[in-house]
Amino acid sequence: MAHYEPAPVLSLDELADALERERAFGRSIALANGCFDLLHVGHSRYLFGAAREAHVLVVALNGDESVRALKGSGRPLASEAERAELISSLGMVDYVTVFHELTVESLLSRLRPDVHCKGTDYTEQSVPEASLVRSYGGRVAIVGDPKDHSTSEMIARLIRR
């Protein structure tokens, strides 16, 4: 029987050390970020697309307070610990970290991934962190399927029923 381990959920310092080791082995790093409040097929497609961009996929998860600030007072539906555990169980994910800022810029500055992956609700020109990523030699990739899925819409559909 196959045995699978979840991806480690690491602090920023632990993750920086782990990525240094990955780079020493010649592996490229992709970073995807988001709230992942209610996991749906759009998230899966986004993360599969991001995983195709590099050898190693890091998922940066918005902490509870930043989700509340971005999405409103009834959110998140699940705690950051539960969301991190769920994301870490996905086979395409190599590392998970939780960040508490409203944007991912400080994380990008520290980790300097080779590829910063964003969903199809962005274009390469509209990604807020694009100039930062390019400034250290990284690139931006738009991945996933068309933005036909959202947690907010799923919640609204459930309420209407």
N, C-alpha and C. Protein backbone atom coordinates (compact mmCIF):
# COMPACT_ATOMS: atom_id res chain seq x y z
N MET A 1 0.84 -1.17 0.00
CA MET A 1 0.00 0.00 0.00
C MET A 1 0.90 1.24 0.00
N ALA A 2 0.53 2.23 -0.81
CA ALA A 2 1.29 3.47 -0.88
C ALA A 2 1.08 4.29 0.39
N HIS A 3 2.12 5.00 0.76
CA HIS A 3 2.03 5.85 1.95
C HIS A 3 2.37 7.27 1.53
N TYR A 4 1.49 8.17 1.84
CA TYR A 4 1.69 9.57 1.46
C TYR A 4 1.81 10.43 2.71
N GLU A 5 2.67 11.40 2.64
CA GLU A 5 2.84 12.38 3.72
C GLU A 5 2.33 13.72 3.23
N PRO A 6 1.67 14.45 4.09
CA PRO A 6 1.27 15.80 3.67
C PRO A 6 2.50 16.69 3.52
N ALA A 7 2.36 17.73 2.74
CA ALA A 7 3.43 18.72 2.62
C ALA A 7 3.61 19.41 3.96
N PRO A 8 4.83 19.76 4.32
CA PRO A 8 5.02 20.44 5.60
C PRO A 8 4.43 21.86 5.58
N VAL A 9 3.85 22.26 6.69
CA VAL A 9 3.39 23.63 6.90
C VAL A 9 4.46 24.30 7.74
N LEU A 10 5.16 25.26 7.13
CA LEU A 10 6.36 25.83 7.74
C LEU A 10 6.21 27.33 8.01
N SER A 11 6.93 27.80 9.00
CA SER A 11 7.05 29.24 9.23
C SER A 11 7.88 29.81 8.07
N LEU A 12 7.89 31.12 7.96
CA LEU A 12 8.66 31.76 6.90
C LEU A 12 10.14 31.42 7.00
N ASP A 13 10.71 31.45 8.20
CA ASP A 13 12.13 31.13 8.36
C ASP A 13 12.42 29.67 7.98
N GLU A 14 11.56 28.76 8.43
CA GLU A 14 11.74 27.34 8.09
C GLU A 14 11.62 27.13 6.58
N LEU A 15 10.66 27.82 5.97
CA LEU A 15 10.46 27.69 4.53
C LEU A 15 11.66 28.24 3.76
N ALA A 16 12.18 29.38 4.17
CA ALA A 16 13.35 29.96 3.50
C ALA A 16 14.52 28.98 3.53
N ASP A 17 14.73 28.31 4.67
CA ASP A 17 15.80 27.31 4.77
C ASP A 17 15.53 26.12 3.85
N ALA A 18 14.29 25.64 3.83
CA ALA A 18 13.94 24.50 2.98
C ALA A 18 14.14 24.84 1.50
N LEU A 19 13.77 26.04 1.10
CA LEU A 19 13.92 26.42 -0.30
C LEU A 19 15.39 26.61 -0.68
N GLU A 20 16.20 27.02 0.27
CA GLU A 20 17.64 27.11 0.02
C GLU A 20 18.19 25.71 -0.30
N ARG A 21 17.73 24.72 0.45
CA ARG A 21 18.15 23.33 0.17
C ARG A 21 17.64 22.87 -1.19
N GLU A 22 16.40 23.20 -1.52
CA GLU A 22 15.84 22.82 -2.84
C GLU A 22 16.67 23.43 -3.96
N ARG A 23 17.01 24.69 -3.82
CA ARG A 23 17.80 25.37 -4.85
C ARG A 23 19.20 24.77 -4.97
N ALA A 24 19.76 24.31 -3.86
CA ALA A 24 21.08 23.67 -3.88
C ALA A 24 21.06 22.41 -4.74
N PHE A 25 19.89 21.78 -4.86
CA PHE A 25 19.73 20.61 -5.72
C PHE A 25 19.30 20.99 -7.13
N GLY A 26 19.28 22.28 -7.43
CA GLY A 26 18.96 22.74 -8.78
C GLY A 26 17.47 22.81 -9.08
N ARG A 27 16.64 22.78 -8.06
CA ARG A 27 15.19 22.81 -8.28
C ARG A 27 14.68 24.25 -8.35
N SER A 28 13.75 24.47 -9.26
CA SER A 28 13.10 25.78 -9.38
C SER A 28 11.87 25.80 -8.47
N ILE A 29 11.49 27.03 -8.07
CA ILE A 29 10.43 27.23 -7.09
C ILE A 29 9.30 28.04 -7.70
N ALA A 30 8.07 27.55 -7.54
CA ALA A 30 6.87 28.32 -7.90
C ALA A 30 6.11 28.63 -6.62
N LEU A 31 5.52 29.81 -6.56
CA LEU A 31 4.70 30.19 -5.41
C LEU A 31 3.31 30.58 -5.90
N ALA A 32 2.30 29.99 -5.27
CA ALA A 32 0.91 30.35 -5.49
C ALA A 32 0.36 30.81 -4.15
N ASN A 33 -0.55 31.74 -4.16
CA ASN A 33 -1.09 32.21 -2.89
C ASN A 33 -2.60 32.41 -2.98
N GLY A 34 -3.23 32.41 -1.81
CA GLY A 34 -4.66 32.65 -1.77
C GLY A 34 -5.25 32.32 -0.42
N CYS A 35 -6.56 32.51 -0.32
CA CYS A 35 -7.30 32.26 0.92
C CYS A 35 -7.67 30.78 1.05
N PHE A 36 -8.08 30.16 -0.04
CA PHE A 36 -8.46 28.74 -0.06
C PHE A 36 -9.44 28.43 1.08
N ASP A 37 -10.46 29.26 1.17
CA ASP A 37 -11.39 29.19 2.29
C ASP A 37 -12.35 28.01 2.18
N LEU A 38 -12.82 27.74 1.00
CA LEU A 38 -13.69 26.59 0.75
C LEU A 38 -13.15 25.98 -0.53
N LEU A 39 -12.41 24.92 -0.40
CA LEU A 39 -11.69 24.34 -1.53
C LEU A 39 -12.67 23.92 -2.62
N HIS A 40 -12.40 24.34 -3.86
CA HIS A 40 -13.25 23.98 -4.99
C HIS A 40 -12.38 23.67 -6.21
N VAL A 41 -13.02 23.25 -7.27
CA VAL A 41 -12.29 22.78 -8.46
C VAL A 41 -11.41 23.88 -9.06
N GLY A 42 -11.82 25.13 -8.96
CA GLY A 42 -10.98 26.22 -9.45
C GLY A 42 -9.65 26.28 -8.71
N HIS A 43 -9.68 26.03 -7.41
CA HIS A 43 -8.42 25.98 -6.64
C HIS A 43 -7.54 24.84 -7.13
N SER A 44 -8.15 23.68 -7.32
CA SER A 44 -7.39 22.52 -7.78
C SER A 44 -6.73 22.80 -9.12
N ARG A 45 -7.46 23.37 -10.04
CA ARG A 45 -6.91 23.68 -11.36
C ARG A 45 -5.81 24.74 -11.28
N TYR A 46 -5.99 25.71 -10.42
CA TYR A 46 -4.97 26.74 -10.20
C TYR A 46 -3.68 26.11 -9.67
N LEU A 47 -3.81 25.26 -8.67
CA LEU A 47 -2.62 24.65 -8.07
C LEU A 47 -1.96 23.65 -9.01
N PHE A 48 -2.73 22.90 -9.77
CA PHE A 48 -2.12 22.01 -10.78
C PHE A 48 -1.34 22.84 -11.80
N GLY A 49 -1.94 23.94 -12.25
CA GLY A 49 -1.24 24.81 -13.21
C GLY A 49 0.04 25.38 -12.62
N ALA A 50 -0.02 25.80 -11.37
CA ALA A 50 1.16 26.36 -10.71
C ALA A 50 2.24 25.30 -10.56
N ALA A 51 1.85 24.08 -10.22
CA ALA A 51 2.83 23.00 -10.04
C ALA A 51 3.58 22.69 -11.33
N ARG A 52 2.96 22.93 -12.47
CA ARG A 52 3.61 22.67 -13.76
C ARG A 52 4.69 23.70 -14.10
N GLU A 53 4.73 24.80 -13.36
CA GLU A 53 5.64 25.89 -13.68
C GLU A 53 7.05 25.73 -13.11
N ALA A 54 7.22 24.81 -12.16
CA ALA A 54 8.54 24.65 -11.52
C ALA A 54 8.63 23.27 -10.89
N HIS A 55 9.79 22.95 -10.36
CA HIS A 55 9.99 21.66 -9.70
C HIS A 55 9.25 21.57 -8.36
N VAL A 56 9.19 22.70 -7.65
CA VAL A 56 8.67 22.74 -6.28
C VAL A 56 7.54 23.77 -6.22
N LEU A 57 6.41 23.37 -5.61
CA LEU A 57 5.29 24.31 -5.43
C LEU A 57 5.12 24.67 -3.96
N VAL A 58 5.19 25.96 -3.69
CA VAL A 58 4.91 26.52 -2.38
C VAL A 58 3.55 27.20 -2.45
N VAL A 59 2.70 26.92 -1.48
CA VAL A 59 1.42 27.61 -1.38
C VAL A 59 1.45 28.49 -0.15
N ALA A 60 1.25 29.79 -0.37
CA ALA A 60 1.19 30.77 0.71
C ALA A 60 -0.29 31.06 0.98
N LEU A 61 -0.69 30.76 2.18
CA LEU A 61 -2.10 30.83 2.58
C LEU A 61 -2.33 32.08 3.41
N ASN A 62 -3.34 32.86 3.04
CA ASN A 62 -3.70 34.02 3.85
C ASN A 62 -4.15 33.58 5.23
N GLY A 63 -3.61 34.21 6.27
CA GLY A 63 -4.05 33.94 7.64
C GLY A 63 -5.46 34.44 7.87
N ASP A 64 -6.04 34.04 8.99
CA ASP A 64 -7.43 34.35 9.29
C ASP A 64 -7.74 35.84 9.25
N GLU A 65 -6.89 36.66 9.86
CA GLU A 65 -7.17 38.10 9.90
C GLU A 65 -7.12 38.72 8.51
N SER A 66 -6.18 38.29 7.69
CA SER A 66 -6.11 38.87 6.34
C SER A 66 -7.30 38.40 5.49
N VAL A 67 -7.77 37.17 5.69
CA VAL A 67 -8.97 36.71 4.97
C VAL A 67 -10.16 37.58 5.38
N ARG A 68 -10.30 37.83 6.67
CA ARG A 68 -11.41 38.65 7.16
C ARG A 68 -11.34 40.04 6.55
N ALA A 69 -10.14 40.61 6.50
CA ALA A 69 -9.98 41.96 5.92
C ALA A 69 -10.28 41.97 4.43
N LEU A 70 -9.92 40.91 3.73
CA LEU A 70 -10.12 40.86 2.28
C LEU A 70 -11.53 40.44 1.88
N LYS A 71 -12.14 39.52 2.63
CA LYS A 71 -13.39 38.89 2.22
C LYS A 71 -14.61 39.32 3.04
N GLY A 72 -14.38 39.89 4.21
CA GLY A 72 -15.51 40.35 5.00
C GLY A 72 -15.70 39.56 6.27
N SER A 73 -16.62 40.04 7.10
CA SER A 73 -16.77 39.50 8.45
C SER A 73 -17.29 38.08 8.49
N GLY A 74 -17.80 37.38 7.82
CA GLY A 74 -18.16 35.96 8.06
C GLY A 74 -17.09 35.00 7.61
N ARG A 75 -15.97 35.50 7.22
CA ARG A 75 -14.90 34.69 6.66
C ARG A 75 -13.66 34.80 7.51
N PRO A 76 -12.82 33.82 7.57
CA PRO A 76 -12.90 32.58 6.79
C PRO A 76 -13.91 31.60 7.40
N LEU A 77 -14.30 30.64 6.59
CA LEU A 77 -15.20 29.59 7.05
C LEU A 77 -14.43 28.56 7.87
N ALA A 78 -13.20 28.34 7.52
CA ALA A 78 -12.33 27.38 8.22
C ALA A 78 -11.10 28.14 8.72
N SER A 79 -10.55 27.70 9.84
CA SER A 79 -9.38 28.37 10.42
C SER A 79 -8.16 28.20 9.51
N GLU A 80 -7.17 29.05 9.71
CA GLU A 80 -5.94 28.94 8.92
C GLU A 80 -5.27 27.59 9.13
N ALA A 81 -5.33 27.05 10.34
CA ALA A 81 -4.73 25.73 10.59
C ALA A 81 -5.45 24.65 9.79
N GLU A 82 -6.77 24.69 9.74
CA GLU A 82 -7.53 23.71 8.97
C GLU A 82 -7.29 23.87 7.48
N ARG A 83 -7.27 25.12 7.01
CA ARG A 83 -7.03 25.37 5.57
C ARG A 83 -5.63 24.93 5.18
N ALA A 84 -4.64 25.20 6.04
CA ALA A 84 -3.26 24.78 5.77
C ALA A 84 -3.17 23.26 5.70
N GLU A 85 -3.84 22.57 6.62
CA GLU A 85 -3.82 21.11 6.61
C GLU A 85 -4.44 20.56 5.33
N LEU A 86 -5.53 21.16 4.91
CA LEU A 86 -6.19 20.71 3.68
C LEU A 86 -5.29 20.90 2.47
N ILE A 87 -4.72 22.09 2.34
CA ILE A 87 -3.83 22.38 1.20
C ILE A 87 -2.61 21.48 1.24
N SER A 88 -2.08 21.20 2.43
CA SER A 88 -0.89 20.36 2.54
C SER A 88 -1.16 18.91 2.12
N SER A 89 -2.42 18.52 2.12
CA SER A 89 -2.76 17.14 1.75
C SER A 89 -2.84 16.94 0.23
N LEU A 90 -2.79 18.02 -0.52
CA LEU A 90 -2.87 17.91 -1.98
C LEU A 90 -1.52 17.50 -2.55
N GLY A 91 -1.52 16.50 -3.37
CA GLY A 91 -0.28 15.90 -3.86
C GLY A 91 0.63 16.80 -4.66
N MET A 92 0.08 17.84 -5.29
CA MET A 92 0.92 18.71 -6.11
C MET A 92 1.65 19.77 -5.28
N VAL A 93 1.32 19.86 -3.99
CA VAL A 93 1.87 20.90 -3.11
C VAL A 93 3.07 20.33 -2.35
N ASP A 94 4.18 21.08 -2.37
CA ASP A 94 5.40 20.65 -1.67
C ASP A 94 5.58 21.31 -0.31
N TYR A 95 5.17 22.57 -0.19
CA TYR A 95 5.29 23.30 1.07
C TYR A 95 4.11 24.25 1.20
N VAL A 96 3.72 24.50 2.46
CA VAL A 96 2.67 25.46 2.76
C VAL A 96 3.19 26.40 3.83
N THR A 97 2.84 27.67 3.70
CA THR A 97 3.12 28.64 4.75
C THR A 97 1.91 29.54 4.89
N VAL A 98 1.75 30.12 6.06
CA VAL A 98 0.66 31.05 6.31
C VAL A 98 1.27 32.44 6.44
N PHE A 99 0.67 33.42 5.75
CA PHE A 99 1.14 34.80 5.89
C PHE A 99 -0.03 35.66 6.36
N HIS A 100 0.30 36.72 7.07
CA HIS A 100 -0.73 37.50 7.74
C HIS A 100 -0.92 38.90 7.16
N GLU A 101 -0.09 39.29 6.22
CA GLU A 101 -0.23 40.59 5.58
C GLU A 101 -1.36 40.54 4.55
N LEU A 102 -1.80 41.69 4.09
CA LEU A 102 -2.86 41.75 3.08
C LEU A 102 -2.35 41.40 1.69
N THR A 103 -1.05 41.59 1.47
CA THR A 103 -0.45 41.23 0.18
C THR A 103 0.68 40.25 0.41
N VAL A 104 1.11 39.61 -0.65
CA VAL A 104 2.15 38.59 -0.58
C VAL A 104 3.55 39.17 -0.85
N GLU A 105 3.66 40.49 -0.97
CA GLU A 105 4.92 41.11 -1.37
C GLU A 105 6.09 40.80 -0.45
N SER A 106 5.90 40.90 0.86
CA SER A 106 7.04 40.65 1.76
C SER A 106 7.50 39.20 1.67
N LEU A 107 6.57 38.29 1.48
CA LEU A 107 6.90 36.88 1.30
C LEU A 107 7.70 36.67 0.02
N LEU A 108 7.27 37.30 -1.06
CA LEU A 108 8.00 37.21 -2.32
C LEU A 108 9.41 37.78 -2.18
N SER A 109 9.54 38.90 -1.49
CA SER A 109 10.86 39.51 -1.30
C SER A 109 11.80 38.58 -0.54
N ARG A 110 11.26 37.89 0.43
CA ARG A 110 12.09 36.99 1.25
C ARG A 110 12.41 35.69 0.51
N LEU A 111 11.41 35.08 -0.13
CA LEU A 111 11.60 33.75 -0.73
C LEU A 111 12.12 33.80 -2.16
N ARG A 112 11.81 34.86 -2.88
CA ARG A 112 12.26 35.05 -4.26
C ARG A 112 12.02 33.81 -5.14
N PRO A 113 10.76 33.38 -5.24
CA PRO A 113 10.49 32.21 -6.10
C PRO A 113 10.81 32.53 -7.55
N ASP A 114 11.14 31.49 -8.29
CA ASP A 114 11.42 31.66 -9.71
C ASP A 114 10.17 32.08 -10.47
N VAL A 115 9.02 31.58 -10.01
CA VAL A 115 7.75 31.86 -10.68
C VAL A 115 6.71 32.22 -9.63
N HIS A 116 6.04 33.34 -9.85
CA HIS A 116 4.91 33.74 -9.01
C HIS A 116 3.65 33.46 -9.83
N CYS A 117 2.84 32.53 -9.37
CA CYS A 117 1.66 32.09 -10.11
C CYS A 117 0.40 32.77 -9.60
N LYS A 118 -0.38 33.28 -10.54
CA LYS A 118 -1.65 33.91 -10.20
C LYS A 118 -2.73 33.29 -11.08
N GLY A 119 -3.97 33.40 -10.62
CA GLY A 119 -5.10 32.83 -11.35
C GLY A 119 -5.51 33.68 -12.53
N THR A 120 -6.45 33.15 -13.30
CA THR A 120 -6.85 33.78 -14.55
C THR A 120 -7.71 35.02 -14.37
N ASP A 121 -7.99 35.41 -13.14
CA ASP A 121 -8.65 36.70 -12.93
C ASP A 121 -7.63 37.83 -13.05
N TYR A 122 -6.36 37.49 -13.28
CA TYR A 122 -5.29 38.46 -13.52
C TYR A 122 -4.76 38.30 -14.93
N THR A 123 -4.03 39.30 -15.38
CA THR A 123 -3.18 39.19 -16.55
C THR A 123 -1.77 39.44 -16.06
N GLU A 124 -0.77 39.12 -16.86
CA GLU A 124 0.60 39.37 -16.44
C GLU A 124 0.83 40.85 -16.12
N GLN A 125 0.08 41.72 -16.79
CA GLN A 125 0.24 43.15 -16.56
C GLN A 125 -0.50 43.62 -15.31
N SER A 126 -1.54 42.91 -14.88
CA SER A 126 -2.33 43.38 -13.73
C SER A 126 -1.92 42.76 -12.40
N VAL A 127 -0.98 41.84 -12.40
CA VAL A 127 -0.54 41.23 -11.13
C VAL A 127 0.16 42.32 -10.32
N PRO A 128 -0.36 42.63 -9.12
CA PRO A 128 0.21 43.74 -8.34
C PRO A 128 1.69 43.57 -8.01
N GLU A 129 2.14 42.34 -7.85
CA GLU A 129 3.52 42.09 -7.44
C GLU A 129 4.46 41.85 -8.62
N ALA A 130 3.98 42.02 -9.84
CA ALA A 130 4.77 41.67 -11.03
C ALA A 130 6.12 42.40 -11.09
N SER A 131 6.13 43.69 -10.82
CA SER A 131 7.41 44.42 -10.92
C SER A 131 8.39 43.94 -9.86
N LEU A 132 7.91 43.61 -8.67
CA LEU A 132 8.78 43.07 -7.63
C LEU A 132 9.40 41.75 -8.08
N VAL A 133 8.57 40.86 -8.61
CA VAL A 133 9.05 39.55 -9.06
C VAL A 133 10.09 39.71 -10.17
N ARG A 134 9.81 40.57 -11.11
CA ARG A 134 10.77 40.79 -12.21
C ARG A 134 12.05 41.44 -11.72
N SER A 135 11.96 42.26 -10.65
CA SER A 135 13.15 42.97 -10.15
C SER A 135 14.21 42.01 -9.63
N TYR A 136 13.84 40.84 -9.17
CA TYR A 136 14.85 39.89 -8.71
C TYR A 136 15.08 38.76 -9.71
N GLY A 137 14.53 38.90 -10.92
CA GLY A 137 14.79 37.93 -11.98
C GLY A 137 13.75 36.83 -12.10
N GLY A 138 12.66 36.93 -11.34
CA GLY A 138 11.58 35.94 -11.44
C GLY A 138 10.62 36.27 -12.57
N ARG A 139 9.65 35.40 -12.74
CA ARG A 139 8.63 35.66 -13.76
C ARG A 139 7.26 35.40 -13.16
N VAL A 140 6.27 35.95 -13.81
CA VAL A 140 4.86 35.77 -13.42
C VAL A 140 4.22 34.82 -14.40
N ALA A 141 3.43 33.88 -13.89
CA ALA A 141 2.68 32.96 -14.76
C ALA A 141 1.20 33.02 -14.36
N ILE A 142 0.35 33.11 -15.36
CA ILE A 142 -1.10 33.06 -15.14
C ILE A 142 -1.51 31.62 -15.40
N VAL A 143 -2.12 30.99 -14.39
CA VAL A 143 -2.40 29.56 -14.47
C VAL A 143 -3.83 29.27 -14.01
N GLY A 144 -4.29 28.09 -14.36
CA GLY A 144 -5.62 27.65 -13.94
C GLY A 144 -6.64 27.82 -15.04
N ASP A 145 -7.87 27.55 -14.67
CA ASP A 145 -8.96 27.67 -15.65
C ASP A 145 -9.59 29.06 -15.56
N PRO A 146 -10.49 29.37 -16.50
CA PRO A 146 -11.17 30.67 -16.40
C PRO A 146 -11.85 30.81 -15.04
N LYS A 147 -11.90 32.00 -14.54
CA LYS A 147 -12.42 32.25 -13.19
C LYS A 147 -13.94 32.07 -13.16
N ASP A 148 -14.37 30.81 -13.26
CA ASP A 148 -15.79 30.48 -13.22
C ASP A 148 -16.21 29.98 -11.85
N HIS A 149 -15.28 29.91 -10.92
CA HIS A 149 -15.55 29.34 -9.60
C HIS A 149 -15.08 30.33 -8.55
N SER A 150 -15.86 30.50 -7.51
CA SER A 150 -15.39 31.32 -6.39
C SER A 150 -16.08 30.85 -5.12
N THR A 151 -15.36 30.95 -4.04
CA THR A 151 -15.92 30.59 -2.74
C THR A 151 -17.11 31.47 -2.43
N SER A 152 -17.00 32.77 -2.71
CA SER A 152 -18.11 33.69 -2.43
C SER A 152 -19.37 33.28 -3.18
N GLU A 153 -19.21 32.89 -4.44
CA GLU A 153 -20.37 32.45 -5.22
C GLU A 153 -20.93 31.14 -4.67
N MET A 154 -20.08 30.23 -4.26
CA MET A 154 -20.55 28.97 -3.68
C MET A 154 -21.36 29.23 -2.41
N ILE A 155 -20.88 30.14 -1.58
CA ILE A 155 -21.60 30.49 -0.35
C ILE A 155 -22.96 31.09 -0.70
N ALA A 156 -22.98 31.99 -1.67
CA ALA A 156 -24.24 32.62 -2.08
C ALA A 156 -25.23 31.58 -2.59
N ARG A 157 -24.73 30.61 -3.38
CA ARG A 157 -25.62 29.54 -3.88
C ARG A 157 -26.19 28.71 -2.74
N LEU A 158 -25.37 28.40 -1.75
CA LEU A 158 -25.84 27.63 -0.60
C LEU A 158 -26.92 28.38 0.18
N ILE A 159 -26.73 29.67 0.33
CA ILE A 159 -27.70 30.49 1.06
C ILE A 159 -29.02 30.56 0.31
N ARG A 160 -28.96 30.67 -1.03
CA ARG A 160 -30.19 30.74 -1.84
C ARG A 160 -31.01 29.47 -1.77
N ARG A 161 -30.37 28.34 -1.48
CA ARG A 161 -31.08 27.07 -1.46
C ARG A 161 -31.85 26.99 -0.22
